[in-house]
Amino acid sequence: MGRLYKGLTNNLQRRLQEHRSGQTKSTSHMGDLRVVYTEEFKEFAVARSREVYLKTAAGRRFLKQVMRP
């Protein structure tokens, strides 16, 4: 598994296009991004809290476990 980008959006297709076209500085060097895991939330605050968690060591361990073949 390579590098993982964790982000938050209300429109996944639009956000992927922004990343792929180089409009996002943080991912412009990553090349073609692939979606490997998603979660949906109705409330922004809950989604933001989850994003923050996924960026922690515990969140990275969780993602490795979920993405294990």
C-alpha atoms as a PDB file:
ATOM      1  CA  MET A   1       0.000   0.000   0.000  1.00  0.00           C
ATOM      2  CA  GLY A   2       1.339   3.415  -0.976  1.00  0.00           C
ATOM      3  CA  ARG A   3       0.432   6.775   0.433  1.00  0.00           C
ATOM      4  CA  LEU A   4      -3.144   7.409   1.458  1.00  0.00           C
ATOM      5  CA  TYR A   5      -4.928  10.729   1.069  1.00  0.00           C
ATOM      6  CA  LYS A   6      -7.782  11.279   3.490  1.00  0.00           C
ATOM      7  CA  GLY A   7     -10.238  14.033   2.687  1.00  0.00           C
ATOM      8  CA  LEU A   8     -13.716  15.373   3.142  1.00  0.00           C
ATOM      9  CA  THR A   9     -16.162  16.511   0.457  1.00  0.00           C
ATOM     10  CA  ASN A  10     -19.837  16.780  -0.328  1.00  0.00           C
ATOM     11  CA  ASN A  11     -19.215  15.839  -3.992  1.00  0.00           C
ATOM     12  CA  LEU A  12     -16.705  13.034  -4.546  1.00  0.00           C
ATOM     13  CA  GLN A  13     -16.607  13.200  -8.352  1.00  0.00           C
ATOM     14  CA  ARG A  14     -15.975  16.957  -8.362  1.00  0.00           C
ATOM     15  CA  ARG A  15     -13.279  16.619  -5.727  1.00  0.00           C
ATOM     16  CA  LEU A  16     -11.500  13.841  -7.613  1.00  0.00           C
ATOM     17  CA  GLN A  17     -11.516  15.994 -10.748  1.00  0.00           C
ATOM     18  CA  GLU A  18      -9.981  18.879  -8.779  1.00  0.00           C
ATOM     19  CA  HIS A  19      -7.229  16.600  -7.503  1.00  0.00           C
ATOM     20  CA  ARG A  20      -6.546  15.006 -10.878  1.00  0.00           C
ATOM     21  CA  SER A  21      -6.378  18.335 -12.701  1.00  0.00           C
ATOM     22  CA  GLY A  22      -3.761  19.682 -10.290  1.00  0.00           C
ATOM     23  CA  GLN A  23      -6.052  22.239  -8.644  1.00  0.00           C
ATOM     24  CA  THR A  24      -5.179  20.842  -5.211  1.00  0.00           C
ATOM     25  CA  LYS A  25      -1.611  21.571  -4.131  1.00  0.00           C
ATOM     26  CA  SER A  26      -1.481  18.784  -1.510  1.00  0.00           C
ATOM     27  CA  THR A  27      -2.105  16.055  -4.100  1.00  0.00           C
ATOM     28  CA  SER A  28      -0.681  17.550  -7.296  1.00  0.00           C
ATOM     29  CA  HIS A  29       2.465  15.408  -6.941  1.00  0.00           C
ATOM     30  CA  MET A  30       0.582  12.143  -6.326  1.00  0.00           C
ATOM     31  CA  GLY A  31      -0.431  11.422  -9.913  1.00  0.00           C
ATOM     32  CA  ASP A  32      -3.618   9.459 -10.528  1.00  0.00           C
ATOM     33  CA  LEU A  33      -5.605   9.042  -7.330  1.00  0.00           C
ATOM     34  CA  ARG A  34      -7.885   6.055  -6.763  1.00  0.00           C
ATOM     35  CA  VAL A  35     -10.743   5.835  -4.298  1.00  0.00           C
ATOM     36  CA  VAL A  36     -10.176   2.782  -2.104  1.00  0.00           C
ATOM     37  CA  TYR A  37     -12.514   3.478   0.813  1.00  0.00           C
ATOM     38  CA  THR A  38     -15.410   5.850   1.503  1.00  0.00           C
ATOM     39  CA  GLU A  39     -17.815   6.644   4.302  1.00  0.00           C
ATOM     40  CA  GLU A  40     -20.894   8.871   4.186  1.00  0.00           C
ATOM     41  CA  PHE A  41     -22.226  11.121   6.944  1.00  0.00           C
ATOM     42  CA  LYS A  42     -25.246  13.407   7.079  1.00  0.00           C
ATOM     43  CA  GLU A  43     -23.642  15.959   9.377  1.00  0.00           C
ATOM     44  CA  PHE A  44     -20.483  17.890   8.517  1.00  0.00           C
ATOM     45  CA  ALA A  45     -19.225  17.901  12.120  1.00  0.00           C
ATOM     46  CA  VAL A  46     -19.399  14.106  12.322  1.00  0.00           C
ATOM     47  CA  ALA A  47     -17.639  13.730   8.963  1.00  0.00           C
ATOM     48  CA  ARG A  48     -14.905  16.166  10.006  1.00  0.00           C
ATOM     49  CA  SER A  49     -14.397  14.324  13.277  1.00  0.00           C
ATOM     50  CA  ARG A  50     -14.030  11.043  11.384  1.00  0.00           C
ATOM     51  CA  GLU A  51     -11.540  12.622   8.953  1.00  0.00           C
ATOM     52  CA  VAL A  52      -9.420  13.833  11.866  1.00  0.00           C
ATOM     53  CA  TYR A  53      -9.506  10.333  13.391  1.00  0.00           C
ATOM     54  CA  LEU A  54      -8.455   8.669  10.121  1.00  0.00           C
ATOM     55  CA  LYS A  55      -5.385  10.928  10.044  1.00  0.00           C
ATOM     56  CA  THR A  56      -4.207   9.631  13.449  1.00  0.00           C
ATOM     57  CA  ALA A  57      -2.073   6.537  14.014  1.00  0.00           C
ATOM     58  CA  ALA A  58      -5.164   4.617  15.171  1.00  0.00           C
ATOM     59  CA  GLY A  59      -7.056   5.729  12.072  1.00  0.00           C
ATOM     60  CA  ARG A  60      -4.215   4.621   9.798  1.00  0.00           C
ATOM     61  CA  ARG A  61      -4.228   1.204  11.509  1.00  0.00           C
ATOM     62  CA  PHE A  62      -7.989   0.992  10.975  1.00  0.00           C
ATOM     63  CA  LEU A  63      -7.622   1.759   7.262  1.00  0.00           C
ATOM     64  CA  LYS A  64      -4.877  -0.832   6.835  1.00  0.00           C
ATOM     65  CA  GLN A  65      -7.148  -3.420   8.466  1.00  0.00           C
ATOM     66  CA  VAL A  66     -10.162  -2.495   6.320  1.00  0.00           C
ATOM     67  CA  MET A  67      -8.129  -2.492   3.100  1.00  0.00           C
ATOM     68  CA  ARG A  68      -6.333  -5.780   3.803  1.00  0.00           C
ATOM     69  CA  PRO A  69      -7.032  -8.270   0.964  1.00  0.00           C
END
